[in-house]
Amino acid sequence: MQRLRTLLLAVLSALAFAVFGMSGAADAASGTADVATSGRTPVIFVHGFTGNATNWATAEAVFRADGYADGDLFAYQYNWTQSNAISADGLAAYVRQVLATTGAHQVDIVNHSMGGLVSDWYVKKLGGQPYVRHLASIAGANHGTTAAGSCLVNLSCVEMFPGSAFLATLNAGDETPGDTRYATWYSPCDGIIVPYTSTPLAGADNHLVPCQTHLGFLTDVPTLQAVERFLSS
């Protein structure tokens, strides 16, 4: 039964991506889609380096299959070349927009890769913690990655390189502050987050996935189901 459900979710994901494509992603990113909500806490997805809203097509299909409505799901898009602090400023504004649109008091955030830095800066440095109920980081570059050495022409990569002043400031003190619940998913097969142990946060529910690639996490239905269960807890 579980195998059949997983296969069905994969098919739904493929159909969602094919039918909606960039148009559906734009609606989610703008937060202006005229759709009903399920009454659940809104979810904001935050992509990583070179990513965009379409990265979350499978995740959105998984969440819809578990009862989320279109109006519960939002994808924040940003300029991934700029400082992660600037992107976090944009996320702060986006959270305010989602709260105003849905009438909710808090959001859940799900991030991938460099989206971890954007999310963490918002929560820890911009006063976002009270507005975030759950924060789930999938292969997040939470303590940096040496892979950022290949893109140092971008300020975001300078900040993402281990030992940067940005990371030192971000990770000083409590890594999981306040009443927000935190969880991470990471894997030794990641290949982009180096070392892969960069993802776990002190004080979070950290989940080791035996073998999954960095981009593979975005379509890994069992992991995405685990994320959804975490948000529903």
C-alpha atoms as a PDB file:
ATOM      1  CA  MET A   1       0.000   0.000   0.000  1.00  0.00           C
ATOM      2  CA  GLN A   2       2.827   2.372   0.906  1.00  0.00           C
ATOM      3  CA  ARG A   3       4.600   1.566  -2.368  1.00  0.00           C
ATOM      4  CA  LEU A   4       1.407   2.305  -4.334  1.00  0.00           C
ATOM      5  CA  ARG A   5       0.933   5.617  -2.490  1.00  0.00           C
ATOM      6  CA  THR A   6       4.528   6.641  -3.194  1.00  0.00           C
ATOM      7  CA  LEU A   7       4.107   5.805  -6.896  1.00  0.00           C
ATOM      8  CA  LEU A   8       0.859   7.797  -7.025  1.00  0.00           C
ATOM      9  CA  LEU A   9       2.566  10.825  -5.459  1.00  0.00           C
ATOM     10  CA  ALA A  10       5.365  10.629  -7.991  1.00  0.00           C
ATOM     11  CA  VAL A  11       2.835  10.594 -10.849  1.00  0.00           C
ATOM     12  CA  LEU A  12       0.962  13.537  -9.325  1.00  0.00           C
ATOM     13  CA  SER A  13       4.218  15.441  -9.051  1.00  0.00           C
ATOM     14  CA  ALA A  14       5.064  14.880 -12.695  1.00  0.00           C
ATOM     15  CA  LEU A  15       1.588  15.962 -13.769  1.00  0.00           C
ATOM     16  CA  ALA A  16       1.726  19.081 -11.605  1.00  0.00           C
ATOM     17  CA  PHE A  17       5.056  20.101 -13.081  1.00  0.00           C
ATOM     18  CA  ALA A  18       3.915  19.446 -16.651  1.00  0.00           C
ATOM     19  CA  VAL A  19       0.576  21.221 -16.355  1.00  0.00           C
ATOM     20  CA  PHE A  20       1.469  24.230 -14.254  1.00  0.00           C
ATOM     21  CA  GLY A  21       5.164  24.771 -15.061  1.00  0.00           C
ATOM     22  CA  MET A  22       6.391  28.308 -14.516  1.00  0.00           C
ATOM     23  CA  SER A  23       2.874  29.716 -14.516  1.00  0.00           C
ATOM     24  CA  GLY A  24       1.899  27.775 -11.402  1.00  0.00           C
ATOM     25  CA  ALA A  25       5.190  28.660  -9.763  1.00  0.00           C
ATOM     26  CA  ALA A  26       4.636  32.345 -10.416  1.00  0.00           C
ATOM     27  CA  ASP A  27       1.232  32.186  -8.712  1.00  0.00           C
ATOM     28  CA  ALA A  28       2.762  30.514  -5.676  1.00  0.00           C
ATOM     29  CA  ALA A  29       5.675  32.940  -5.538  1.00  0.00           C
ATOM     30  CA  SER A  30       3.453  35.996  -5.761  1.00  0.00           C
ATOM     31  CA  GLY A  31       1.091  34.705  -3.101  1.00  0.00           C
ATOM     32  CA  THR A  32      -1.841  36.101  -5.053  1.00  0.00           C
ATOM     33  CA  ALA A  33      -3.478  32.875  -6.223  1.00  0.00           C
ATOM     34  CA  ASP A  34      -7.230  33.097  -5.536  1.00  0.00           C
ATOM     35  CA  VAL A  35      -7.663  29.728  -3.851  1.00  0.00           C
ATOM     36  CA  ALA A  36      -9.129  28.433  -0.606  1.00  0.00           C
ATOM     37  CA  THR A  37      -6.994  27.338   2.332  1.00  0.00           C
ATOM     38  CA  SER A  38      -7.381  24.211   4.467  1.00  0.00           C
ATOM     39  CA  GLY A  39      -6.931  26.063   7.741  1.00  0.00           C
ATOM     40  CA  ARG A  40      -3.436  24.628   8.214  1.00  0.00           C
ATOM     41  CA  THR A  41      -0.375  26.721   8.950  1.00  0.00           C
ATOM     42  CA  PRO A  42       0.835  28.181   5.614  1.00  0.00           C
ATOM     43  CA  VAL A  43       4.049  26.688   4.248  1.00  0.00           C
ATOM     44  CA  ILE A  44       6.733  28.829   2.592  1.00  0.00           C
ATOM     45  CA  PHE A  45       9.302  26.982   0.486  1.00  0.00           C
ATOM     46  CA  VAL A  46      12.723  28.638   0.104  1.00  0.00           C
ATOM     47  CA  HIS A  47      14.906  27.401  -2.776  1.00  0.00           C
ATOM     48  CA  GLY A  48      18.687  27.335  -2.936  1.00  0.00           C
ATOM     49  CA  PHE A  49      21.513  28.539  -5.189  1.00  0.00           C
ATOM     50  CA  THR A  50      20.407  28.721  -8.876  1.00  0.00           C
ATOM     51  CA  GLY A  51      16.956  27.502  -7.800  1.00  0.00           C
ATOM     52  CA  ASN A  52      13.418  28.814  -8.267  1.00  0.00           C
ATOM     53  CA  ALA A  53       9.826  28.046  -7.300  1.00  0.00           C
ATOM     54  CA  THR A  54       9.568  25.073  -9.687  1.00  0.00           C
ATOM     55  CA  ASN A  55      12.018  23.184  -7.450  1.00  0.00           C
ATOM     56  CA  TRP A  56       9.084  22.483  -5.157  1.00  0.00           C
ATOM     57  CA  ALA A  57       6.700  20.762  -7.617  1.00  0.00           C
ATOM     58  CA  THR A  58       7.108  17.341  -5.982  1.00  0.00           C
ATOM     59  CA  ALA A  59       6.889  18.753  -2.459  1.00  0.00           C
ATOM     60  CA  GLU A  60       3.683  20.592  -3.308  1.00  0.00           C
ATOM     61  CA  ALA A  61       2.170  17.384  -4.744  1.00  0.00           C
ATOM     62  CA  VAL A  62       3.109  15.467  -1.588  1.00  0.00           C
ATOM     63  CA  PHE A  63       1.612  18.149   0.655  1.00  0.00           C
ATOM     64  CA  ARG A  64      -1.613  18.351  -1.392  1.00  0.00           C
ATOM     65  CA  ALA A  65      -1.974  14.571  -1.172  1.00  0.00           C
ATOM     66  CA  ASP A  66      -1.875  14.918   2.617  1.00  0.00           C
ATOM     67  CA  GLY A  67      -4.600  17.555   2.768  1.00  0.00           C
ATOM     68  CA  TYR A  68      -2.947  20.907   2.103  1.00  0.00           C
ATOM     69  CA  ALA A  69      -4.816  23.296  -0.210  1.00  0.00           C
ATOM     70  CA  ASP A  70      -3.181  25.417  -2.909  1.00  0.00           C
ATOM     71  CA  GLY A  71      -3.724  28.484  -0.738  1.00  0.00           C
ATOM     72  CA  ASP A  72      -1.573  26.948   2.010  1.00  0.00           C
ATOM     73  CA  LEU A  73       1.532  26.606  -0.177  1.00  0.00           C
ATOM     74  CA  PHE A  74       3.846  29.464  -1.159  1.00  0.00           C
ATOM     75  CA  ALA A  75       7.280  29.560  -2.803  1.00  0.00           C
ATOM     76  CA  TYR A  76       9.603  32.481  -2.136  1.00  0.00           C
ATOM     77  CA  GLN A  77      11.828  33.422  -5.090  1.00  0.00           C
ATOM     78  CA  TYR A  78      14.874  35.639  -4.765  1.00  0.00           C
ATOM     79  CA  ASN A  79      18.057  36.695  -6.546  1.00  0.00           C
ATOM     80  CA  TRP A  80      20.473  33.953  -5.477  1.00  0.00           C
ATOM     81  CA  THR A  81      23.566  35.969  -6.510  1.00  0.00           C
ATOM     82  CA  GLN A  82      23.021  38.688  -3.902  1.00  0.00           C
ATOM     83  CA  SER A  83      23.838  38.663  -0.195  1.00  0.00           C
ATOM     84  CA  ASN A  84      21.826  36.123   1.755  1.00  0.00           C
ATOM     85  CA  ALA A  85      21.064  38.910   4.236  1.00  0.00           C
ATOM     86  CA  ILE A  86      19.298  40.861   1.476  1.00  0.00           C
ATOM     87  CA  SER A  87      17.409  37.722   0.442  1.00  0.00           C
ATOM     88  CA  ALA A  88      16.395  37.294   4.085  1.00  0.00           C
ATOM     89  CA  ASP A  89      15.022  40.850   4.088  1.00  0.00           C
ATOM     90  CA  GLY A  90      12.884  39.836   1.131  1.00  0.00           C
ATOM     91  CA  LEU A  91      11.755  36.703   2.961  1.00  0.00           C
ATOM     92  CA  ALA A  92      10.689  38.832   5.926  1.00  0.00           C
ATOM     93  CA  ALA A  93       8.497  40.915   3.632  1.00  0.00           C
ATOM     94  CA  TYR A  94       7.160  37.778   1.970  1.00  0.00           C
ATOM     95  CA  VAL A  95       6.199  36.243   5.325  1.00  0.00           C
ATOM     96  CA  ARG A  96       4.271  39.394   6.189  1.00  0.00           C
ATOM     97  CA  GLN A  97       2.480  39.152   2.840  1.00  0.00           C
ATOM     98  CA  VAL A  98       1.557  35.494   3.381  1.00  0.00           C
ATOM     99  CA  LEU A  99       0.264  36.204   6.898  1.00  0.00           C
ATOM    100  CA  ALA A 100      -1.855  39.069   5.580  1.00  0.00           C
ATOM    101  CA  THR A 101      -3.165  36.951   2.690  1.00  0.00           C
ATOM    102  CA  THR A 102      -4.072  33.891   4.772  1.00  0.00           C
ATOM    103  CA  GLY A 103      -4.968  35.483   8.097  1.00  0.00           C
ATOM    104  CA  ALA A 104      -2.557  33.115   9.846  1.00  0.00           C
ATOM    105  CA  HIS A 105      -0.355  34.164  12.774  1.00  0.00           C
ATOM    106  CA  GLN A 106       2.608  31.952  11.879  1.00  0.00           C
ATOM    107  CA  VAL A 107       4.111  30.118   8.920  1.00  0.00           C
ATOM    108  CA  ASP A 108       6.126  26.940   8.479  1.00  0.00           C
ATOM    109  CA  ILE A 109       9.325  27.258   6.411  1.00  0.00           C
ATOM    110  CA  VAL A 110      10.870  24.486   4.324  1.00  0.00           C
ATOM    111  CA  ASN A 111      14.233  25.288   2.775  1.00  0.00           C
ATOM    112  CA  HIS A 112      16.796  23.590   0.547  1.00  0.00           C
ATOM    113  CA  SER A 113      20.532  24.207   0.174  1.00  0.00           C
ATOM    114  CA  MET A 114      21.443  27.924   0.388  1.00  0.00           C
ATOM    115  CA  GLY A 115      17.831  28.566   1.358  1.00  0.00           C
ATOM    116  CA  GLY A 116      18.938  27.432   4.806  1.00  0.00           C
ATOM    117  CA  LEU A 117      21.116  30.532   5.154  1.00  0.00           C
ATOM    118  CA  VAL A 118      18.296  32.811   3.987  1.00  0.00           C
ATOM    119  CA  SER A 119      15.824  31.207   6.402  1.00  0.00           C
ATOM    120  CA  ASP A 120      18.211  31.127   9.359  1.00  0.00           C
ATOM    121  CA  TRP A 121      19.188  34.782   8.913  1.00  0.00           C
ATOM    122  CA  TYR A 122      15.516  35.768   8.863  1.00  0.00           C
ATOM    123  CA  VAL A 123      14.730  33.744  11.998  1.00  0.00           C
ATOM    124  CA  LYS A 124      17.835  34.651  14.014  1.00  0.00           C
ATOM    125  CA  LYS A 125      18.843  38.132  12.854  1.00  0.00           C
ATOM    126  CA  LEU A 126      15.662  39.802  11.611  1.00  0.00           C
ATOM    127  CA  GLY A 127      13.279  38.902  14.429  1.00  0.00           C
ATOM    128  CA  GLY A 128      11.443  36.263  12.424  1.00  0.00           C
ATOM    129  CA  GLN A 129      11.398  33.536  15.063  1.00  0.00           C
ATOM    130  CA  PRO A 130       7.982  34.357  16.597  1.00  0.00           C
ATOM    131  CA  TYR A 131       6.384  34.090  13.156  1.00  0.00           C
ATOM    132  CA  VAL A 132       7.841  30.663  12.304  1.00  0.00           C
ATOM    133  CA  ARG A 133       6.179  27.611  13.874  1.00  0.00           C
ATOM    134  CA  HIS A 134       8.352  24.951  12.212  1.00  0.00           C
ATOM    135  CA  LEU A 135      11.567  25.266  10.211  1.00  0.00           C
ATOM    136  CA  ALA A 136      12.599  22.260   8.089  1.00  0.00           C
ATOM    137  CA  SER A 137      15.978  22.333   6.367  1.00  0.00           C
ATOM    138  CA  ILE A 138      16.584  19.832   3.546  1.00  0.00           C
ATOM    139  CA  ALA A 139      20.291  19.565   2.659  1.00  0.00           C
ATOM    140  CA  GLY A 140      20.695  23.091   4.014  1.00  0.00           C
ATOM    141  CA  ALA A 141      24.050  24.836   3.783  1.00  0.00           C
ATOM    142  CA  ASN A 142      23.577  25.857   7.395  1.00  0.00           C
ATOM    143  CA  HIS A 143      27.274  25.855   8.262  1.00  0.00           C
ATOM    144  CA  GLY A 144      28.517  26.431   4.719  1.00  0.00           C
ATOM    145  CA  THR A 145      29.966  24.222   1.986  1.00  0.00           C
ATOM    146  CA  THR A 146      33.350  24.092   0.286  1.00  0.00           C
ATOM    147  CA  ALA A 147      31.465  23.705  -3.007  1.00  0.00           C
ATOM    148  CA  ALA A 148      30.823  27.448  -2.769  1.00  0.00           C
ATOM    149  CA  GLY A 149      34.458  27.893  -3.789  1.00  0.00           C
ATOM    150  CA  SER A 150      33.381  27.351  -7.403  1.00  0.00           C
ATOM    151  CA  CYS A 151      31.072  30.394  -7.470  1.00  0.00           C
ATOM    152  CA  LEU A 152      32.871  33.047  -5.410  1.00  0.00           C
ATOM    153  CA  VAL A 153      32.053  35.686  -8.047  1.00  0.00           C
ATOM    154  CA  ASN A 154      28.667  35.800  -6.267  1.00  0.00           C
ATOM    155  CA  LEU A 155      28.434  37.406  -2.826  1.00  0.00           C
ATOM    156  CA  SER A 156      26.035  34.666  -1.776  1.00  0.00           C
ATOM    157  CA  CYS A 157      28.777  32.071  -2.351  1.00  0.00           C
ATOM    158  CA  VAL A 158      31.384  34.130  -0.502  1.00  0.00           C
ATOM    159  CA  GLU A 159      29.027  34.082   2.476  1.00  0.00           C
ATOM    160  CA  MET A 160      28.339  30.345   2.036  1.00  0.00           C
ATOM    161  CA  PHE A 161      32.020  29.339   2.093  1.00  0.00           C
ATOM    162  CA  PRO A 162      33.099  27.802   5.438  1.00  0.00           C
ATOM    163  CA  GLY A 163      34.795  30.312   7.718  1.00  0.00           C
ATOM    164  CA  SER A 164      33.070  33.352   6.248  1.00  0.00           C
ATOM    165  CA  ALA A 165      32.173  36.307   8.456  1.00  0.00           C
ATOM    166  CA  PHE A 166      28.532  35.783   7.462  1.00  0.00           C
ATOM    167  CA  LEU A 167      28.516  32.211   8.806  1.00  0.00           C
ATOM    168  CA  ALA A 168      30.362  33.209  11.963  1.00  0.00           C
ATOM    169  CA  THR A 169      27.703  35.827  12.696  1.00  0.00           C
ATOM    170  CA  LEU A 170      24.806  33.585  11.721  1.00  0.00           C
ATOM    171  CA  ASN A 171      25.826  30.588  13.813  1.00  0.00           C
ATOM    172  CA  ALA A 172      27.003  32.429  16.919  1.00  0.00           C
ATOM    173  CA  GLY A 173      24.938  31.552  19.957  1.00  0.00           C
ATOM    174  CA  ASP A 174      21.770  29.451  19.930  1.00  0.00           C
ATOM    175  CA  GLU A 175      21.278  27.722  16.557  1.00  0.00           C
ATOM    176  CA  THR A 176      17.622  26.904  17.273  1.00  0.00           C
ATOM    177  CA  PRO A 177      16.215  29.854  19.225  1.00  0.00           C
ATOM    178  CA  GLY A 178      12.760  30.366  20.673  1.00  0.00           C
ATOM    179  CA  ASP A 179       9.679  28.163  20.477  1.00  0.00           C
ATOM    180  CA  THR A 180      10.134  27.346  16.791  1.00  0.00           C
ATOM    181  CA  ARG A 181      10.599  23.612  16.146  1.00  0.00           C
ATOM    182  CA  TYR A 182      13.577  22.813  13.931  1.00  0.00           C
ATOM    183  CA  ALA A 183      14.448  19.727  11.872  1.00  0.00           C
ATOM    184  CA  THR A 184      17.027  18.882   9.207  1.00  0.00           C
ATOM    185  CA  TRP A 185      17.561  16.129   6.649  1.00  0.00           C
ATOM    186  CA  TYR A 186      21.081  15.413   5.380  1.00  0.00           C
ATOM    187  CA  SER A 187      23.017  12.668   3.591  1.00  0.00           C
ATOM    188  CA  PRO A 188      26.636  11.537   3.029  1.00  0.00           C
ATOM    189  CA  CYS A 189      25.734  11.125  -0.670  1.00  0.00           C
ATOM    190  CA  ASP A 190      24.776  14.827  -0.988  1.00  0.00           C
ATOM    191  CA  GLY A 191      27.855  15.793  -3.024  1.00  0.00           C
ATOM    192  CA  ILE A 192      27.188  19.556  -2.846  1.00  0.00           C
ATOM    193  CA  ILE A 193      27.033  20.236   0.881  1.00  0.00           C
ATOM    194  CA  VAL A 194      30.637  19.476   1.835  1.00  0.00           C
ATOM    195  CA  PRO A 195      31.019  18.328   4.501  1.00  0.00           C
ATOM    196  CA  TYR A 196      27.519  16.882   4.579  1.00  0.00           C
ATOM    197  CA  THR A 197      27.493  17.366   8.357  1.00  0.00           C
ATOM    198  CA  SER A 198      27.150  21.099   7.681  1.00  0.00           C
ATOM    199  CA  THR A 199      23.363  20.732   7.597  1.00  0.00           C
ATOM    200  CA  PRO A 200      22.456  19.629  11.163  1.00  0.00           C
ATOM    201  CA  LEU A 201      21.628  22.351  13.675  1.00  0.00           C
ATOM    202  CA  ALA A 202      22.351  22.076  17.376  1.00  0.00           C
ATOM    203  CA  GLY A 203      19.031  21.544  19.141  1.00  0.00           C
ATOM    204  CA  ALA A 204      17.146  20.422  16.012  1.00  0.00           C
ATOM    205  CA  ASP A 205      15.672  17.026  15.116  1.00  0.00           C
ATOM    206  CA  ASN A 206      18.441  16.002  12.706  1.00  0.00           C
ATOM    207  CA  HIS A 207      17.672  13.120  10.320  1.00  0.00           C
ATOM    208  CA  LEU A 208      20.442  11.228   8.505  1.00  0.00           C
ATOM    209  CA  VAL A 209      19.253   9.924   5.125  1.00  0.00           C
ATOM    210  CA  PRO A 210      21.466   6.951   4.145  1.00  0.00           C
ATOM    211  CA  CYS A 211      22.086   7.999   0.541  1.00  0.00           C
ATOM    212  CA  GLN A 212      20.461  10.854  -1.350  1.00  0.00           C
ATOM    213  CA  THR A 213      21.961  13.424  -3.691  1.00  0.00           C
ATOM    214  CA  HIS A 214      21.630  17.155  -3.199  1.00  0.00           C
ATOM    215  CA  LEU A 215      19.117  17.714  -6.003  1.00  0.00           C
ATOM    216  CA  GLY A 216      17.612  14.271  -5.493  1.00  0.00           C
ATOM    217  CA  PHE A 217      16.206  15.459  -2.161  1.00  0.00           C
ATOM    218  CA  LEU A 218      13.813  17.731  -4.077  1.00  0.00           C
ATOM    219  CA  THR A 219      12.014  14.712  -5.582  1.00  0.00           C
ATOM    220  CA  ASP A 220      12.586  12.247  -2.734  1.00  0.00           C
ATOM    221  CA  VAL A 221       8.998  11.438  -1.764  1.00  0.00           C
ATOM    222  CA  PRO A 222       9.799   9.584   1.504  1.00  0.00           C
ATOM    223  CA  THR A 223      11.867  12.536   2.757  1.00  0.00           C
ATOM    224  CA  LEU A 224       9.203  15.038   1.696  1.00  0.00           C
ATOM    225  CA  GLN A 225       6.558  12.960   3.455  1.00  0.00           C
ATOM    226  CA  ALA A 226       8.721  13.020   6.587  1.00  0.00           C
ATOM    227  CA  VAL A 227       8.959  16.806   6.309  1.00  0.00           C
ATOM    228  CA  GLU A 228       5.167  17.063   5.990  1.00  0.00           C
ATOM    229  CA  ARG A 229       4.705  14.871   9.060  1.00  0.00           C
ATOM    230  CA  PHE A 230       7.115  17.092  10.978  1.00  0.00           C
ATOM    231  CA  LEU A 231       5.119  20.194  10.050  1.00  0.00           C
ATOM    232  CA  SER A 232       1.897  18.458  11.114  1.00  0.00           C
ATOM    233  CA  SER A 233       3.322  17.510  14.504  1.00  0.00           C
END
